[in-house]
Amino acid sequence: MVEGSTGRGGRPLHRVGAGFRHATRVALLLLGLGGSGPLMAVETALPASPVLEVMKLPTCGCCGTWIKYLEASGFVVKATNVQDLVPVRQQAGVSEAIAGCHTASIDGYVIEGHVSAEKIRQLLRDRPPIKGLVVTGMPRGSPGMEGPGAERYDVLALQNDGTTTVYAAHEVADGPADADDGLTSTGDGAPPTAAPSTATHGVPEEQAP
């Protein structure tokens, strides 16, 4: 190198070269390619949690209780009040024969009725080729319908052709609806089962169970 030579901006060339070598060393360290030197951890941005979007009647108290339960379980929930859920269900591909009291969607799946947080997480983790999950009606003892007189119910897998199979069964004696031992997966071959319900839609928020 010729002493006194300068590069762009009048900077001495030896300083330009040193700066380039330093920048290269930092880049290699960030990539984990720094030879025998210590490796620097590279932060990776984690994907944001998918939002559970819920469509419900403005007077449905158990819907509000289910939403609070999911939020307490770590879900991000966006609720919208509508005056009629029939067109919402039609658009989601949910027939009235298996309808719950609210219709939700998350990450490309439909969630109809009082489905537990555990089953929603399992759905998102396993990513089965189905339309979504359904709990028909408002069975007592399901999330958002807690209280005495719990009853047996099934969580249905809604297939892409509109048919249903049993995704998991909740037995009365098994405890909380979202406990692992309270929901027994039965596989895709089981026949569809509709859960019984004695509750009605449109319970005022202040009378929520």
C-alpha atoms as a PDB file:
ATOM      1  CA  MET A   1       0.000   0.000   0.000  1.00  0.00           C
ATOM      2  CA  VAL A   2       1.315   3.422  -0.924  1.00  0.00           C
ATOM      3  CA  GLU A   3       1.618   5.577   2.175  1.00  0.00           C
ATOM      4  CA  GLY A   4      -0.679   8.554   2.063  1.00  0.00           C
ATOM      5  CA  SER A   5      -3.068   7.029  -0.494  1.00  0.00           C
ATOM      6  CA  THR A   6      -6.690   7.891   0.022  1.00  0.00           C
ATOM      7  CA  GLY A   7     -10.002   6.328  -0.976  1.00  0.00           C
ATOM      8  CA  ARG A   8     -13.444   7.822  -1.505  1.00  0.00           C
ATOM      9  CA  GLY A   9     -14.191  10.765   0.746  1.00  0.00           C
ATOM     10  CA  GLY A  10     -10.492  11.280   1.419  1.00  0.00           C
ATOM     11  CA  ARG A  11     -10.298   8.406   3.982  1.00  0.00           C
ATOM     12  CA  PRO A  12      -6.891   6.676   4.163  1.00  0.00           C
ATOM     13  CA  LEU A  13      -7.044   3.321   2.380  1.00  0.00           C
ATOM     14  CA  HIS A  14      -5.642   1.412   5.354  1.00  0.00           C
ATOM     15  CA  ARG A  15      -8.544   2.657   7.478  1.00  0.00           C
ATOM     16  CA  VAL A  16     -11.056   1.691   4.782  1.00  0.00           C
ATOM     17  CA  GLY A  17      -9.570  -1.792   4.664  1.00  0.00           C
ATOM     18  CA  ALA A  18      -9.665  -2.161   8.458  1.00  0.00           C
ATOM     19  CA  GLY A  19     -13.286  -1.059   8.523  1.00  0.00           C
ATOM     20  CA  PHE A  20     -14.189  -3.596   5.845  1.00  0.00           C
ATOM     21  CA  ARG A  21     -12.447  -6.416   7.717  1.00  0.00           C
ATOM     22  CA  HIS A  22     -14.250  -5.480  10.937  1.00  0.00           C
ATOM     23  CA  ALA A  23     -17.641  -5.412   9.214  1.00  0.00           C
ATOM     24  CA  THR A  24     -16.935  -8.795   7.613  1.00  0.00           C
ATOM     25  CA  ARG A  25     -15.969 -10.275  10.984  1.00  0.00           C
ATOM     26  CA  VAL A  26     -19.193  -9.025  12.593  1.00  0.00           C
ATOM     27  CA  ALA A  27     -21.282 -10.454   9.747  1.00  0.00           C
ATOM     28  CA  LEU A  28     -19.595 -13.856  10.071  1.00  0.00           C
ATOM     29  CA  LEU A  29     -20.161 -13.885  13.810  1.00  0.00           C
ATOM     30  CA  LEU A  30     -23.839 -13.106  13.338  1.00  0.00           C
ATOM     31  CA  LEU A  31     -24.117 -15.971  10.868  1.00  0.00           C
ATOM     32  CA  GLY A  32     -22.306 -18.348  13.211  1.00  0.00           C
ATOM     33  CA  LEU A  33     -19.305 -18.600  10.897  1.00  0.00           C
ATOM     34  CA  GLY A  34     -16.731 -16.843  13.007  1.00  0.00           C
ATOM     35  CA  GLY A  35     -14.243 -19.709  13.201  1.00  0.00           C
ATOM     36  CA  SER A  36     -12.988 -20.454  16.690  1.00  0.00           C
ATOM     37  CA  GLY A  37     -14.400 -17.254  18.173  1.00  0.00           C
ATOM     38  CA  PRO A  38     -17.599 -17.133  20.238  1.00  0.00           C
ATOM     39  CA  LEU A  39     -20.842 -17.379  18.298  1.00  0.00           C
ATOM     40  CA  MET A  40     -23.454 -14.677  18.672  1.00  0.00           C
ATOM     41  CA  ALA A  41     -27.114 -15.694  18.983  1.00  0.00           C
ATOM     42  CA  VAL A  42     -29.343 -14.537  16.158  1.00  0.00           C
ATOM     43  CA  GLU A  43     -32.806 -13.437  17.262  1.00  0.00           C
ATOM     44  CA  THR A  44     -35.659 -14.748  15.147  1.00  0.00           C
ATOM     45  CA  ALA A  45     -39.078 -13.151  15.227  1.00  0.00           C
ATOM     46  CA  LEU A  46     -41.752 -15.522  16.498  1.00  0.00           C
ATOM     47  CA  PRO A  47     -45.024 -15.583  14.544  1.00  0.00           C
ATOM     48  CA  ALA A  48     -47.898 -13.730  16.164  1.00  0.00           C
ATOM     49  CA  SER A  49     -50.601 -15.827  17.783  1.00  0.00           C
ATOM     50  CA  PRO A  50     -53.578 -16.289  15.456  1.00  0.00           C
ATOM     51  CA  VAL A  51     -56.669 -14.318  16.438  1.00  0.00           C
ATOM     52  CA  LEU A  52     -59.846 -16.223  17.253  1.00  0.00           C
ATOM     53  CA  GLU A  53     -62.666 -14.264  15.632  1.00  0.00           C
ATOM     54  CA  VAL A  54     -66.076 -14.906  17.211  1.00  0.00           C
ATOM     55  CA  MET A  55     -69.491 -14.048  15.785  1.00  0.00           C
ATOM     56  CA  LYS A  56     -72.225 -14.094  18.425  1.00  0.00           C
ATOM     57  CA  LEU A  57     -75.616 -12.694  19.346  1.00  0.00           C
ATOM     58  CA  PRO A  58     -75.401  -9.541  21.515  1.00  0.00           C
ATOM     59  CA  THR A  59     -77.579 -11.114  24.224  1.00  0.00           C
ATOM     60  CA  CYS A  60     -75.697 -14.419  24.528  1.00  0.00           C
ATOM     61  CA  GLY A  61     -74.269 -14.658  28.033  1.00  0.00           C
ATOM     62  CA  CYS A  62     -72.614 -18.064  27.686  1.00  0.00           C
ATOM     63  CA  CYS A  63     -70.792 -16.819  24.578  1.00  0.00           C
ATOM     64  CA  GLY A  64     -69.221 -14.065  26.670  1.00  0.00           C
ATOM     65  CA  THR A  65     -68.249 -16.594  29.347  1.00  0.00           C
ATOM     66  CA  TRP A  66     -66.627 -18.836  26.714  1.00  0.00           C
ATOM     67  CA  ILE A  67     -64.676 -15.872  25.331  1.00  0.00           C
ATOM     68  CA  LYS A  68     -63.375 -14.963  28.805  1.00  0.00           C
ATOM     69  CA  TYR A  69     -62.383 -18.594  29.347  1.00  0.00           C
ATOM     70  CA  LEU A  70     -60.385 -18.633  26.092  1.00  0.00           C
ATOM     71  CA  GLU A  71     -58.701 -15.310  26.892  1.00  0.00           C
ATOM     72  CA  ALA A  72     -57.718 -16.695  30.309  1.00  0.00           C
ATOM     73  CA  SER A  73     -56.305 -19.713  28.449  1.00  0.00           C
ATOM     74  CA  GLY A  74     -54.027 -17.448  26.393  1.00  0.00           C
ATOM     75  CA  PHE A  75     -56.027 -16.915  23.202  1.00  0.00           C
ATOM     76  CA  VAL A  76     -56.395 -13.546  21.502  1.00  0.00           C
ATOM     77  CA  VAL A  77     -60.125 -13.119  20.840  1.00  0.00           C
ATOM     78  CA  LYS A  78     -61.991 -10.618  18.684  1.00  0.00           C
ATOM     79  CA  ALA A  79     -65.766 -10.750  19.212  1.00  0.00           C
ATOM     80  CA  THR A  80     -68.398  -9.276  16.913  1.00  0.00           C
ATOM     81  CA  ASN A  81     -72.118  -9.056  17.704  1.00  0.00           C
ATOM     82  CA  VAL A  82     -74.531  -9.955  14.922  1.00  0.00           C
ATOM     83  CA  GLN A  83     -78.318 -10.096  14.845  1.00  0.00           C
ATOM     84  CA  ASP A  84     -78.524 -13.371  12.902  1.00  0.00           C
ATOM     85  CA  LEU A  85     -76.054 -16.264  12.974  1.00  0.00           C
ATOM     86  CA  VAL A  86     -77.746 -18.306  10.237  1.00  0.00           C
ATOM     87  CA  PRO A  87     -75.958 -16.584   7.316  1.00  0.00           C
ATOM     88  CA  VAL A  88     -72.713 -16.673   9.289  1.00  0.00           C
ATOM     89  CA  ARG A  89     -72.999 -20.430   9.707  1.00  0.00           C
ATOM     90  CA  GLN A  90     -74.002 -20.879   6.083  1.00  0.00           C
ATOM     91  CA  GLN A  91     -70.884 -19.051   4.954  1.00  0.00           C
ATOM     92  CA  ALA A  92     -68.760 -21.143   7.340  1.00  0.00           C
ATOM     93  CA  GLY A  93     -70.268 -24.395   6.067  1.00  0.00           C
ATOM     94  CA  VAL A  94     -71.970 -25.288   9.364  1.00  0.00           C
ATOM     95  CA  SER A  95     -75.461 -26.751   9.046  1.00  0.00           C
ATOM     96  CA  GLU A  96     -78.223 -25.798  11.476  1.00  0.00           C
ATOM     97  CA  ALA A  97     -78.476 -29.444  12.547  1.00  0.00           C
ATOM     98  CA  ILE A  98     -75.117 -29.207  14.340  1.00  0.00           C
ATOM     99  CA  ALA A  99     -75.150 -25.514  15.259  1.00  0.00           C
ATOM    100  CA  GLY A 100     -73.805 -24.156  18.524  1.00  0.00           C
ATOM    101  CA  CYS A 101     -74.557 -20.749  20.000  1.00  0.00           C
ATOM    102  CA  HIS A 102     -71.638 -18.922  18.369  1.00  0.00           C
ATOM    103  CA  THR A 103     -69.450 -19.340  15.293  1.00  0.00           C
ATOM    104  CA  ALA A 104     -65.731 -18.626  15.366  1.00  0.00           C
ATOM    105  CA  SER A 105     -62.713 -19.008  13.117  1.00  0.00           C
ATOM    106  CA  ILE A 106     -58.993 -19.271  13.760  1.00  0.00           C
ATOM    107  CA  ASP A 107     -56.098 -19.816  11.372  1.00  0.00           C
ATOM    108  CA  GLY A 108     -58.322 -21.207   8.606  1.00  0.00           C
ATOM    109  CA  TYR A 109     -60.478 -23.431  10.833  1.00  0.00           C
ATOM    110  CA  VAL A 110     -64.098 -23.069  11.958  1.00  0.00           C
ATOM    111  CA  ILE A 111     -64.877 -23.369  15.669  1.00  0.00           C
ATOM    112  CA  GLU A 112     -68.598 -23.830  16.293  1.00  0.00           C
ATOM    113  CA  GLY A 113     -69.942 -23.754  19.843  1.00  0.00           C
ATOM    114  CA  HIS A 114     -68.315 -24.408  23.200  1.00  0.00           C
ATOM    115  CA  VAL A 115     -65.099 -26.123  22.075  1.00  0.00           C
ATOM    116  CA  SER A 116     -62.386 -26.308  24.739  1.00  0.00           C
ATOM    117  CA  ALA A 117     -59.058 -24.493  24.566  1.00  0.00           C
ATOM    118  CA  GLU A 118     -57.261 -27.845  24.676  1.00  0.00           C
ATOM    119  CA  LYS A 119     -59.045 -29.128  21.574  1.00  0.00           C
ATOM    120  CA  ILE A 120     -58.448 -25.872  19.674  1.00  0.00           C
ATOM    121  CA  ARG A 121     -54.735 -26.072  20.483  1.00  0.00           C
ATOM    122  CA  GLN A 122     -54.651 -29.706  19.359  1.00  0.00           C
ATOM    123  CA  LEU A 123     -56.378 -28.739  16.115  1.00  0.00           C
ATOM    124  CA  LEU A 124     -53.848 -25.986  15.400  1.00  0.00           C
ATOM    125  CA  ARG A 125     -50.948 -28.233  16.329  1.00  0.00           C
ATOM    126  CA  ASP A 126     -51.993 -31.293  14.294  1.00  0.00           C
ATOM    127  CA  ARG A 127     -53.487 -29.380  11.323  1.00  0.00           C
ATOM    128  CA  PRO A 128     -55.862 -32.178  10.180  1.00  0.00           C
ATOM    129  CA  PRO A 129     -57.499 -31.784   6.736  1.00  0.00           C
ATOM    130  CA  ILE A 130     -60.924 -30.846   8.115  1.00  0.00           C
ATOM    131  CA  LYS A 131     -63.070 -27.734   8.110  1.00  0.00           C
ATOM    132  CA  GLY A 132     -63.087 -27.329  11.898  1.00  0.00           C
ATOM    133  CA  LEU A 133     -64.509 -28.425  15.253  1.00  0.00           C
ATOM    134  CA  VAL A 134     -68.101 -28.344  16.522  1.00  0.00           C
ATOM    135  CA  VAL A 135     -69.857 -28.671  19.859  1.00  0.00           C
ATOM    136  CA  THR A 136     -73.565 -28.848  19.073  1.00  0.00           C
ATOM    137  CA  GLY A 137     -75.977 -26.865  21.233  1.00  0.00           C
ATOM    138  CA  MET A 138     -74.898 -25.711  24.673  1.00  0.00           C
ATOM    139  CA  PRO A 139     -74.153 -28.813  26.772  1.00  0.00           C
ATOM    140  CA  ARG A 140     -73.912 -28.200  30.504  1.00  0.00           C
ATOM    141  CA  GLY A 141     -70.365 -28.642  31.768  1.00  0.00           C
ATOM    142  CA  SER A 142     -68.715 -27.474  28.544  1.00  0.00           C
ATOM    143  CA  PRO A 143     -66.436 -24.382  28.655  1.00  0.00           C
ATOM    144  CA  GLY A 144     -68.656 -21.343  29.172  1.00  0.00           C
ATOM    145  CA  MET A 145     -71.491 -23.547  30.461  1.00  0.00           C
ATOM    146  CA  GLU A 146     -69.960 -24.536  33.781  1.00  0.00           C
ATOM    147  CA  GLY A 147     -72.202 -25.400  36.709  1.00  0.00           C
ATOM    148  CA  PRO A 148     -74.126 -28.307  38.232  1.00  0.00           C
ATOM    149  CA  GLY A 149     -75.748 -30.961  36.094  1.00  0.00           C
ATOM    150  CA  ALA A 150     -72.867 -31.525  33.665  1.00  0.00           C
ATOM    151  CA  GLU A 151     -73.729 -33.778  30.739  1.00  0.00           C
ATOM    152  CA  ARG A 152     -71.845 -35.925  28.284  1.00  0.00           C
ATOM    153  CA  TYR A 153     -71.082 -34.399  24.881  1.00  0.00           C
ATOM    154  CA  ASP A 154     -68.916 -34.913  21.826  1.00  0.00           C
ATOM    155  CA  VAL A 155     -66.561 -32.592  20.003  1.00  0.00           C
ATOM    156  CA  LEU A 156     -67.213 -33.193  16.318  1.00  0.00           C
ATOM    157  CA  ALA A 157     -64.767 -32.920  13.438  1.00  0.00           C
ATOM    158  CA  LEU A 158     -66.492 -31.043  10.615  1.00  0.00           C
ATOM    159  CA  GLN A 159     -65.255 -32.556   7.372  1.00  0.00           C
ATOM    160  CA  ASN A 160     -64.791 -30.543   4.206  1.00  0.00           C
ATOM    161  CA  ASP A 161     -67.838 -32.209   2.629  1.00  0.00           C
ATOM    162  CA  GLY A 162     -70.063 -31.130   5.530  1.00  0.00           C
ATOM    163  CA  THR A 163     -70.245 -34.490   7.281  1.00  0.00           C
ATOM    164  CA  THR A 164     -69.080 -34.969  10.865  1.00  0.00           C
ATOM    165  CA  THR A 165     -67.154 -37.550  12.850  1.00  0.00           C
ATOM    166  CA  VAL A 166     -66.370 -37.673  16.554  1.00  0.00           C
ATOM    167  CA  TYR A 167     -63.123 -35.840  17.246  1.00  0.00           C
ATOM    168  CA  ALA A 168     -63.220 -36.288  21.028  1.00  0.00           C
ATOM    169  CA  ALA A 169     -65.743 -37.407  23.650  1.00  0.00           C
ATOM    170  CA  HIS A 170     -66.259 -35.710  26.992  1.00  0.00           C
ATOM    171  CA  GLU A 171     -67.594 -37.947  29.713  1.00  0.00           C
ATOM    172  CA  VAL A 172     -69.401 -36.461  32.711  1.00  0.00           C
ATOM    173  CA  ALA A 173     -67.254 -38.243  35.281  1.00  0.00           C
ATOM    174  CA  ASP A 174     -63.978 -37.147  33.691  1.00  0.00           C
ATOM    175  CA  GLY A 175     -63.799 -33.649  35.173  1.00  0.00           C
ATOM    176  CA  PRO A 176     -63.206 -30.263  33.503  1.00  0.00           C
ATOM    177  CA  ALA A 177     -63.966 -30.039  29.796  1.00  0.00           C
ATOM    178  CA  ASP A 178     -60.491 -28.845  28.851  1.00  0.00           C
ATOM    179  CA  ALA A 179     -58.549 -31.413  30.879  1.00  0.00           C
ATOM    180  CA  ASP A 180     -56.544 -33.939  28.855  1.00  0.00           C
ATOM    181  CA  ASP A 181     -58.138 -36.875  30.721  1.00  0.00           C
ATOM    182  CA  GLY A 182     -61.629 -35.488  30.187  1.00  0.00           C
ATOM    183  CA  LEU A 183     -61.537 -35.622  26.408  1.00  0.00           C
ATOM    184  CA  THR A 184     -60.926 -38.921  24.695  1.00  0.00           C
ATOM    185  CA  SER A 185     -59.952 -38.781  21.036  1.00  0.00           C
ATOM    186  CA  THR A 186     -61.756 -41.461  19.046  1.00  0.00           C
ATOM    187  CA  GLY A 187     -60.311 -41.124  15.541  1.00  0.00           C
ATOM    188  CA  ASP A 188     -61.868 -40.271  12.199  1.00  0.00           C
ATOM    189  CA  GLY A 189     -63.904 -43.435  11.712  1.00  0.00           C
ATOM    190  CA  ALA A 190     -66.422 -42.985  14.530  1.00  0.00           C
ATOM    191  CA  PRO A 191     -69.989 -42.025  13.604  1.00  0.00           C
ATOM    192  CA  PRO A 192     -71.173 -38.463  14.235  1.00  0.00           C
ATOM    193  CA  THR A 193     -72.959 -37.756  17.488  1.00  0.00           C
ATOM    194  CA  ALA A 194     -74.955 -34.671  18.416  1.00  0.00           C
ATOM    195  CA  ALA A 195     -74.565 -33.456  21.984  1.00  0.00           C
ATOM    196  CA  PRO A 196     -77.772 -32.910  23.988  1.00  0.00           C
ATOM    197  CA  SER A 197     -78.689 -29.446  25.136  1.00  0.00           C
ATOM    198  CA  THR A 198     -81.406 -28.031  27.362  1.00  0.00           C
ATOM    199  CA  ALA A 199     -80.230 -24.413  27.175  1.00  0.00           C
ATOM    200  CA  THR A 200     -81.517 -21.825  24.734  1.00  0.00           C
ATOM    201  CA  HIS A 201     -79.874 -19.039  22.745  1.00  0.00           C
ATOM    202  CA  GLY A 202     -80.089 -15.419  23.724  1.00  0.00           C
ATOM    203  CA  VAL A 203     -79.393 -15.617  27.470  1.00  0.00           C
ATOM    204  CA  PRO A 204     -78.717 -12.036  28.662  1.00  0.00           C
ATOM    205  CA  GLU A 205     -75.103 -11.279  29.538  1.00  0.00           C
ATOM    206  CA  GLU A 206     -75.946 -10.536  33.172  1.00  0.00           C
ATOM    207  CA  GLN A 207     -77.499 -13.997  33.536  1.00  0.00           C
ATOM    208  CA  ALA A 208     -74.525 -15.844  32.166  1.00  0.00           C
ATOM    209  CA  PRO A 209     -73.748 -19.038  34.131  1.00  0.00           C
END
